[in-house]
C-alpha atoms as a PDB file:
ATOM      1  CA  MET A   1      44.347  31.431  35.663  1.00  0.00           C
ATOM      2  CA  ILE A   2      41.544  28.814  35.946  1.00  0.00           C
ATOM      3  CA  SER A   3      42.084  26.207  38.630  1.00  0.00           C
ATOM      4  CA  PRO A   4      41.917  22.505  37.642  1.00  0.00           C
ATOM      5  CA  ARG A   5      38.814  22.061  39.827  1.00  0.00           C
ATOM      6  CA  LEU A   6      37.004  24.971  38.111  1.00  0.00           C
ATOM      7  CA  ALA A   7      38.052  23.685  34.699  1.00  0.00           C
ATOM      8  CA  ARG A   8      36.613  20.256  35.463  1.00  0.00           C
ATOM      9  CA  SER A   9      33.376  21.858  36.681  1.00  0.00           C
ATOM     10  CA  LEU A  10      33.058  23.897  33.498  1.00  0.00           C
ATOM     11  CA  VAL A  11      33.639  20.817  31.337  1.00  0.00           C
ATOM     12  CA  ALA A  12      31.017  18.868  33.293  1.00  0.00           C
ATOM     13  CA  LEU A  13      28.550  21.732  32.920  1.00  0.00           C
ATOM     14  CA  LEU A  14      29.126  21.851  29.165  1.00  0.00           C
ATOM     15  CA  VAL A  15      28.592  18.098  28.883  1.00  0.00           C
ATOM     16  CA  LEU A  16      25.352  18.266  30.862  1.00  0.00           C
ATOM     17  CA  SER A  17      24.147  21.231  28.816  1.00  0.00           C
ATOM     18  CA  SER A  18      24.883  19.410  25.568  1.00  0.00           C
ATOM     19  CA  ALA A  19      23.065  16.303  26.788  1.00  0.00           C
ATOM     20  CA  SER A  20      20.060  18.410  27.734  1.00  0.00           C
ATOM     21  CA  VAL A  21      19.949  19.951  24.258  1.00  0.00           C
ATOM     22  CA  VAL A  22      20.110  16.528  22.609  1.00  0.00           C
ATOM     23  CA  ALA A  23      17.451  15.033  24.872  1.00  0.00           C
ATOM     24  CA  ALA A  24      15.041  17.981  24.730  1.00  0.00           C
ATOM     25  CA  ALA A  25      11.815  17.332  22.834  1.00  0.00           C
ATOM     26  CA  PRO A  26      11.038  19.649  19.917  1.00  0.00           C
ATOM     27  CA  PRO A  27       8.434  22.380  20.504  1.00  0.00           C
ATOM     28  CA  ARG A  28       4.890  21.035  20.416  1.00  0.00           C
ATOM     29  CA  LEU A  29       3.103  21.483  17.098  1.00  0.00           C
ATOM     30  CA  PRO A  30      -0.574  21.348  16.200  1.00  0.00           C
ATOM     31  CA  ILE A  31      -1.224  18.000  14.526  1.00  0.00           C
ATOM     32  CA  VAL A  32      -2.259  19.776  11.326  1.00  0.00           C
ATOM     33  CA  SER A  33       1.190  21.415  11.173  1.00  0.00           C
ATOM     34  CA  ALA A  34       3.050  18.220  12.092  1.00  0.00           C
ATOM     35  CA  ARG A  35       1.386  16.437   9.168  1.00  0.00           C
ATOM     36  CA  ASP A  36       3.049  18.908   6.798  1.00  0.00           C
ATOM     37  CA  ARG A  37       6.576  18.172   8.033  1.00  0.00           C
ATOM     38  CA  ALA A  38       8.939  15.938   6.058  1.00  0.00           C
ATOM     39  CA  LEU A  39       9.244  12.224   6.772  1.00  0.00           C
ATOM     40  CA  GLY A  40      12.018  11.607   9.278  1.00  0.00           C
ATOM     41  CA  THR A  41      11.268  14.803  11.211  1.00  0.00           C
ATOM     42  CA  THR A  42      10.929  14.450  14.983  1.00  0.00           C
ATOM     43  CA  VAL A  43       7.752  16.144  16.193  1.00  0.00           C
ATOM     44  CA  THR A  44       5.833  16.589  19.420  1.00  0.00           C
ATOM     45  CA  VAL A  45       2.027  16.638  19.221  1.00  0.00           C
ATOM     46  CA  ARG A  46      -0.865  16.514  21.650  1.00  0.00           C
ATOM     47  CA  GLY A  47      -4.294  15.060  20.986  1.00  0.00           C
ATOM     48  CA  THR A  48      -7.278  13.088  22.222  1.00  0.00           C
ATOM     49  CA  VAL A  49      -7.315   9.352  21.567  1.00  0.00           C
ATOM     50  CA  THR A  50      -9.864   8.360  18.915  1.00  0.00           C
ATOM     51  CA  VAL A  51      -8.709   4.797  18.177  1.00  0.00           C
ATOM     52  CA  PRO A  52      -7.752   2.737  21.259  1.00  0.00           C
ATOM     53  CA  THR A  53      -4.832   0.357  21.629  1.00  0.00           C
ATOM     54  CA  ASN A  54      -5.476  -3.123  20.158  1.00  0.00           C
ATOM     55  CA  ALA A  55      -8.418  -2.105  17.963  1.00  0.00           C
ATOM     56  CA  PHE A  56      -6.228  -2.323  14.860  1.00  0.00           C
ATOM     57  CA  ASP A  57      -2.851  -3.344  16.310  1.00  0.00           C
ATOM     58  CA  SER A  58      -0.573  -2.208  19.155  1.00  0.00           C
ATOM     59  CA  GLY A  59      -0.872   1.418  18.090  1.00  0.00           C
ATOM     60  CA  PHE A  60      -3.557   4.071  18.561  1.00  0.00           C
ATOM     61  CA  ALA A  61      -4.735   7.327  16.989  1.00  0.00           C
ATOM     62  CA  VAL A  62      -5.140  10.872  18.260  1.00  0.00           C
ATOM     63  CA  GLN A  63      -7.000  13.884  16.925  1.00  0.00           C
ATOM     64  CA  GLN A  64      -6.829  17.606  17.623  1.00  0.00           C
ATOM     65  CA  GLY A  65      -9.529  19.708  16.009  1.00  0.00           C
ATOM     66  CA  ASN A  66      -9.886  18.578  12.410  1.00  0.00           C
ATOM     67  CA  ALA A  67      -6.498  16.866  12.188  1.00  0.00           C
ATOM     68  CA  GLY A  68      -5.424  13.452  13.414  1.00  0.00           C
ATOM     69  CA  ILE A  69      -2.580  10.974  13.088  1.00  0.00           C
ATOM     70  CA  TYR A  70      -1.804   7.344  13.859  1.00  0.00           C
ATOM     71  CA  ILE A  71       0.783   6.400  16.511  1.00  0.00           C
ATOM     72  CA  LEU A  72       2.529   3.110  15.756  1.00  0.00           C
ATOM     73  CA  ASP A  73       3.011   1.946  19.352  1.00  0.00           C
ATOM     74  CA  SER A  74       1.219   2.580  22.644  1.00  0.00           C
ATOM     75  CA  GLY A  75       4.288   2.529  24.863  1.00  0.00           C
ATOM     76  CA  ASP A  76       3.912   1.121  28.357  1.00  0.00           C
ATOM     77  CA  ALA A  77       0.135   1.586  28.692  1.00  0.00           C
ATOM     78  CA  VAL A  78      -3.108   0.801  26.903  1.00  0.00           C
ATOM     79  CA  ARG A  79      -4.521   4.006  25.409  1.00  0.00           C
ATOM     80  CA  THR A  80      -8.285   4.483  25.634  1.00  0.00           C
ATOM     81  CA  VAL A  81     -10.732   6.698  23.762  1.00  0.00           C
ATOM     82  CA  GLY A  82     -10.931  10.156  25.328  1.00  0.00           C
ATOM     83  CA  GLU A  83      -7.463  10.049  26.889  1.00  0.00           C
ATOM     84  CA  VAL A  84      -5.296  13.104  26.199  1.00  0.00           C
ATOM     85  CA  VAL A  85      -1.681  12.298  25.389  1.00  0.00           C
ATOM     86  CA  GLU A  86       1.445  14.091  24.245  1.00  0.00           C
ATOM     87  CA  ILE A  87       3.663  12.180  21.836  1.00  0.00           C
ATOM     88  CA  THR A  88       7.197  12.802  20.627  1.00  0.00           C
ATOM     89  CA  GLY A  89       8.458  10.732  17.741  1.00  0.00           C
ATOM     90  CA  GLU A  90       9.523  10.477  14.126  1.00  0.00           C
ATOM     91  CA  LEU A  91       7.194  10.961  11.185  1.00  0.00           C
ATOM     92  CA  VAL A  92       7.177   7.786   9.100  1.00  0.00           C
ATOM     93  CA  ASP A  93       5.391   6.255   6.127  1.00  0.00           C
ATOM     94  CA  SER A  94       3.559   3.134   7.312  1.00  0.00           C
ATOM     95  CA  PHE A  95       2.234   1.357   4.196  1.00  0.00           C
ATOM     96  CA  SER A  96       1.451   4.828   2.720  1.00  0.00           C
ATOM     97  CA  GLN A  97      -0.218   6.062   5.926  1.00  0.00           C
ATOM     98  CA  LEU A  98       1.493   8.991   7.669  1.00  0.00           C
ATOM     99  CA  ALA A  99       2.235   7.970  11.257  1.00  0.00           C
ATOM    100  CA  ILE A 100       4.467   8.682  14.238  1.00  0.00           C
ATOM    101  CA  ALA A 101       6.968   6.144  15.548  1.00  0.00           C
ATOM    102  CA  PRO A 102       6.975   7.329  19.180  1.00  0.00           C
ATOM    103  CA  SER A 103      10.004   7.797  21.391  1.00  0.00           C
ATOM    104  CA  SER A 104       7.947   9.096  24.327  1.00  0.00           C
ATOM    105  CA  ILE A 105       4.267   9.221  25.284  1.00  0.00           C
ATOM    106  CA  ARG A 106       2.886  11.239  28.193  1.00  0.00           C
ATOM    107  CA  ALA A 107      -0.664  10.860  29.545  1.00  0.00           C
ATOM    108  CA  LEU A 108      -2.367  14.165  30.426  1.00  0.00           C
ATOM    109  CA  GLY A 109      -5.799  13.178  31.680  1.00  0.00           C
ATOM    110  CA  ARG A 110      -9.090  12.890  29.817  1.00  0.00           C
ATOM    111  CA  GLU A 111     -11.408  15.042  27.719  1.00  0.00           C
ATOM    112  CA  ARG A 112     -14.725  14.613  25.930  1.00  0.00           C
ATOM    113  CA  HIS A 113     -14.633  12.113  23.095  1.00  0.00           C
ATOM    114  CA  ILE A 114     -13.943  13.493  19.630  1.00  0.00           C
ATOM    115  CA  GLU A 115     -17.134  13.522  17.573  1.00  0.00           C
ATOM    116  CA  PRO A 116     -16.911  12.073  14.049  1.00  0.00           C
ATOM    117  CA  ARG A 117     -17.294  14.423  11.095  1.00  0.00           C
ATOM    118  CA  THR A 118     -19.987  13.437   8.576  1.00  0.00           C
ATOM    119  CA  LYS A 119     -18.571  12.952   5.070  1.00  0.00           C
ATOM    120  CA  ARG A 120     -19.699  11.658   1.704  1.00  0.00           C
ATOM    121  CA  THR A 121     -18.141   8.311   0.841  1.00  0.00           C
ATOM    122  CA  GLY A 122     -16.495   9.777  -2.247  1.00  0.00           C
ATOM    123  CA  ALA A 123     -14.778  12.483  -0.183  1.00  0.00           C
ATOM    124  CA  VAL A 124     -12.733  10.061   1.935  1.00  0.00           C
ATOM    125  CA  GLY A 125      -9.068  10.192   0.984  1.00  0.00           C
ATOM    126  CA  GLU A 126      -5.796  12.027   1.571  1.00  0.00           C
ATOM    127  CA  ALA A 127      -7.589  15.127   2.884  1.00  0.00           C
ATOM    128  CA  THR A 128      -9.394  13.168   5.625  1.00  0.00           C
ATOM    129  CA  GLU A 129      -6.567  10.800   6.629  1.00  0.00           C
ATOM    130  CA  GLY A 130      -6.142  10.523  10.396  1.00  0.00           C
ATOM    131  CA  ARG A 131      -9.626  11.801  11.236  1.00  0.00           C
ATOM    132  CA  LEU A 132     -12.713  10.184  12.729  1.00  0.00           C
ATOM    133  CA  LEU A 133     -15.560  10.153  10.188  1.00  0.00           C
ATOM    134  CA  ALA A 134     -19.237   9.223  10.007  1.00  0.00           C
ATOM    135  CA  LEU A 135     -20.305   7.592   6.732  1.00  0.00           C
ATOM    136  CA  GLU A 136     -23.447   5.984   5.397  1.00  0.00           C
ATOM    137  CA  GLY A 137     -23.951   4.185   2.125  1.00  0.00           C
ATOM    138  CA  GLN A 138     -25.176   1.116   0.340  1.00  0.00           C
ATOM    139  CA  MET A 139     -22.886  -1.907   0.326  1.00  0.00           C
ATOM    140  CA  VAL A 140     -21.665  -2.616  -3.197  1.00  0.00           C
ATOM    141  CA  GLY A 141     -20.245  -6.015  -4.088  1.00  0.00           C
ATOM    142  CA  ASP A 142     -19.582  -8.942  -1.803  1.00  0.00           C
ATOM    143  CA  LEU A 143     -17.884  -9.053   1.584  1.00  0.00           C
ATOM    144  CA  ILE A 144     -14.196  -9.902   1.094  1.00  0.00           C
ATOM    145  CA  ASP A 145     -12.475 -12.243   3.541  1.00  0.00           C
ATOM    146  CA  ASP A 146      -8.903 -10.988   3.988  1.00  0.00           C
ATOM    147  CA  GLY A 147      -7.844 -13.956   6.127  1.00  0.00           C
ATOM    148  CA  VAL A 148      -6.053 -13.170   9.386  1.00  0.00           C
ATOM    149  CA  PHE A 149      -6.179  -9.456   8.558  1.00  0.00           C
ATOM    150  CA  GLY A 150      -9.967  -9.174   8.753  1.00  0.00           C
ATOM    151  CA  PHE A 151     -12.765  -8.351   6.304  1.00  0.00           C
ATOM    152  CA  LYS A 152     -13.322  -5.584   3.801  1.00  0.00           C
ATOM    153  CA  LEU A 153     -16.323  -4.205   1.982  1.00  0.00           C
ATOM    154  CA  PHE A 154     -17.249  -1.171  -0.073  1.00  0.00           C
ATOM    155  CA  ILE A 155     -20.059   1.296   0.576  1.00  0.00           C
ATOM    156  CA  ASP A 156     -21.280   4.095  -1.690  1.00  0.00           C
ATOM    157  CA  ASP A 157     -23.725   6.942  -1.022  1.00  0.00           C
ATOM    158  CA  GLY A 158     -23.760   7.917  -4.697  1.00  0.00           C
ATOM    159  CA  SER A 159     -20.621  10.051  -4.523  1.00  0.00           C
ATOM    160  CA  GLY A 160     -18.169   7.182  -4.989  1.00  0.00           C
ATOM    161  CA  PRO A 161     -17.222   3.980  -3.146  1.00  0.00           C
ATOM    162  CA  ILE A 162     -14.932   3.724  -0.127  1.00  0.00           C
ATOM    163  CA  GLN A 163     -13.423   0.587   1.353  1.00  0.00           C
ATOM    164  CA  ILE A 164     -14.421  -0.226   4.931  1.00  0.00           C
ATOM    165  CA  PHE A 165     -11.913  -2.462   6.717  1.00  0.00           C
ATOM    166  CA  LEU A 166     -12.882  -4.604   9.711  1.00  0.00           C
ATOM    167  CA  PHE A 167      -9.881  -5.491  11.875  1.00  0.00           C
ATOM    168  CA  PRO A 168     -10.171  -8.647  14.046  1.00  0.00           C
ATOM    169  CA  GLY A 169      -9.321  -6.664  17.190  1.00  0.00           C
ATOM    170  CA  THR A 170     -12.512  -4.621  16.873  1.00  0.00           C
ATOM    171  CA  GLY A 171     -14.734  -7.628  17.548  1.00  0.00           C
ATOM    172  CA  ILE A 172     -17.059  -6.618  14.699  1.00  0.00           C
ATOM    173  CA  SER A 173     -19.067  -9.501  13.245  1.00  0.00           C
ATOM    174  CA  PRO A 174     -19.449  -9.614   9.455  1.00  0.00           C
ATOM    175  CA  ALA A 175     -22.909 -11.201   9.822  1.00  0.00           C
ATOM    176  CA  GLY A 176     -25.532  -9.426   7.727  1.00  0.00           C
ATOM    177  CA  LEU A 177     -23.019  -7.643   5.505  1.00  0.00           C
ATOM    178  CA  GLU A 178     -24.204  -8.375   1.998  1.00  0.00           C
ATOM    179  CA  GLU A 179     -24.651  -6.447  -1.215  1.00  0.00           C
ATOM    180  CA  GLY A 180     -27.482  -3.914  -1.103  1.00  0.00           C
ATOM    181  CA  VAL A 181     -27.756  -3.332   2.653  1.00  0.00           C
ATOM    182  CA  THR A 182     -27.300   0.174   4.013  1.00  0.00           C
ATOM    183  CA  VAL A 183     -24.295   0.556   6.298  1.00  0.00           C
ATOM    184  CA  SER A 184     -23.824   3.404   8.784  1.00  0.00           C
ATOM    185  CA  VAL A 185     -20.317   3.539  10.180  1.00  0.00           C
ATOM    186  CA  THR A 186     -18.075   5.638  12.403  1.00  0.00           C
ATOM    187  CA  CYS A 187     -14.532   5.013  11.263  1.00  0.00           C
ATOM    188  CA  PHE A 188     -10.903   6.124  11.188  1.00  0.00           C
ATOM    189  CA  SER A 189      -9.824   7.481   7.807  1.00  0.00           C
ATOM    190  CA  THR A 190      -6.621   5.776   6.739  1.00  0.00           C
ATOM    191  CA  GLN A 191      -4.677   4.429   3.791  1.00  0.00           C
ATOM    192  CA  PHE A 192      -3.056   1.081   3.046  1.00  0.00           C
ATOM    193  CA  GLU A 193      -0.664   1.200   0.115  1.00  0.00           C
ATOM    194  CA  ILE A 194      -2.732   2.628  -2.783  1.00  0.00           C
ATOM    195  CA  PHE A 195      -6.116   2.068  -1.119  1.00  0.00           C
ATOM    196  CA  ASP A 196      -8.016   4.719   0.824  1.00  0.00           C
ATOM    197  CA  GLU A 197     -10.117   3.090   3.514  1.00  0.00           C
ATOM    198  CA  CYS A 198     -12.036   3.782   6.691  1.00  0.00           C
ATOM    199  CA  ALA A 199     -11.849   1.474   9.710  1.00  0.00           C
ATOM    200  CA  PRO A 200     -14.444   1.230  12.520  1.00  0.00           C
ATOM    201  CA  ARG A 201     -13.113   0.675  16.060  1.00  0.00           C
ATOM    202  CA  SER A 202     -15.753  -1.515  17.742  1.00  0.00           C
ATOM    203  CA  PRO A 203     -19.148  -3.172  17.136  1.00  0.00           C
ATOM    204  CA  ALA A 204     -20.853   0.053  18.263  1.00  0.00           C
ATOM    205  CA  ASP A 205     -19.356   1.843  15.255  1.00  0.00           C
ATOM    206  CA  LEU A 206     -21.233  -0.166  12.606  1.00  0.00           C
ATOM    207  CA  GLU A 207     -24.969  -0.497  11.947  1.00  0.00           C
ATOM    208  CA  ILE A 208     -26.744  -2.371   9.156  1.00  0.00           C
ATOM    209  CA  TYR A 209     -30.221  -1.433   7.886  1.00  0.00           C
END
């Protein structure tokens, strides 16, 4: 016969075990695999920061190999380029961009910065979303003032135009951006609603010739 004290101990152990199961983070996935999971899935990923906190908003982006993803909030610290972090959170659709709404973020030190991958302007889209790219093309059309949201323009290297979005937090000046100039840009491949776009992170990411 089980004593009352032993019974209480067993119940407490079961409660603690259940709580541990609930609180445990899911096994860590490569970012490329996490991107294939269904919306609403809780995932854990690890990557190197490519877009710092406050460049676009309060979030940041990470990349691992050839796959990256945007994190909607930076938690209790400002995330900087080159920082390695592990994130657990829910996969969500943020204005048609796949992102993670984080429940925990853990800093793991620093690594070399992720180098951008050179792409044709017409190749930027769903397949490149979340990655750091290097593009160059001629500006087509006029600079568009999007009010408090920033500025946008289109560049084309002959393979098709892509929208470049300049967020206010990047500190990038629109001076000199006019139809016909050649623009070289390092940028984060993203999507806003139905529009594919690429967003530079700082003034150093954009050159005009």
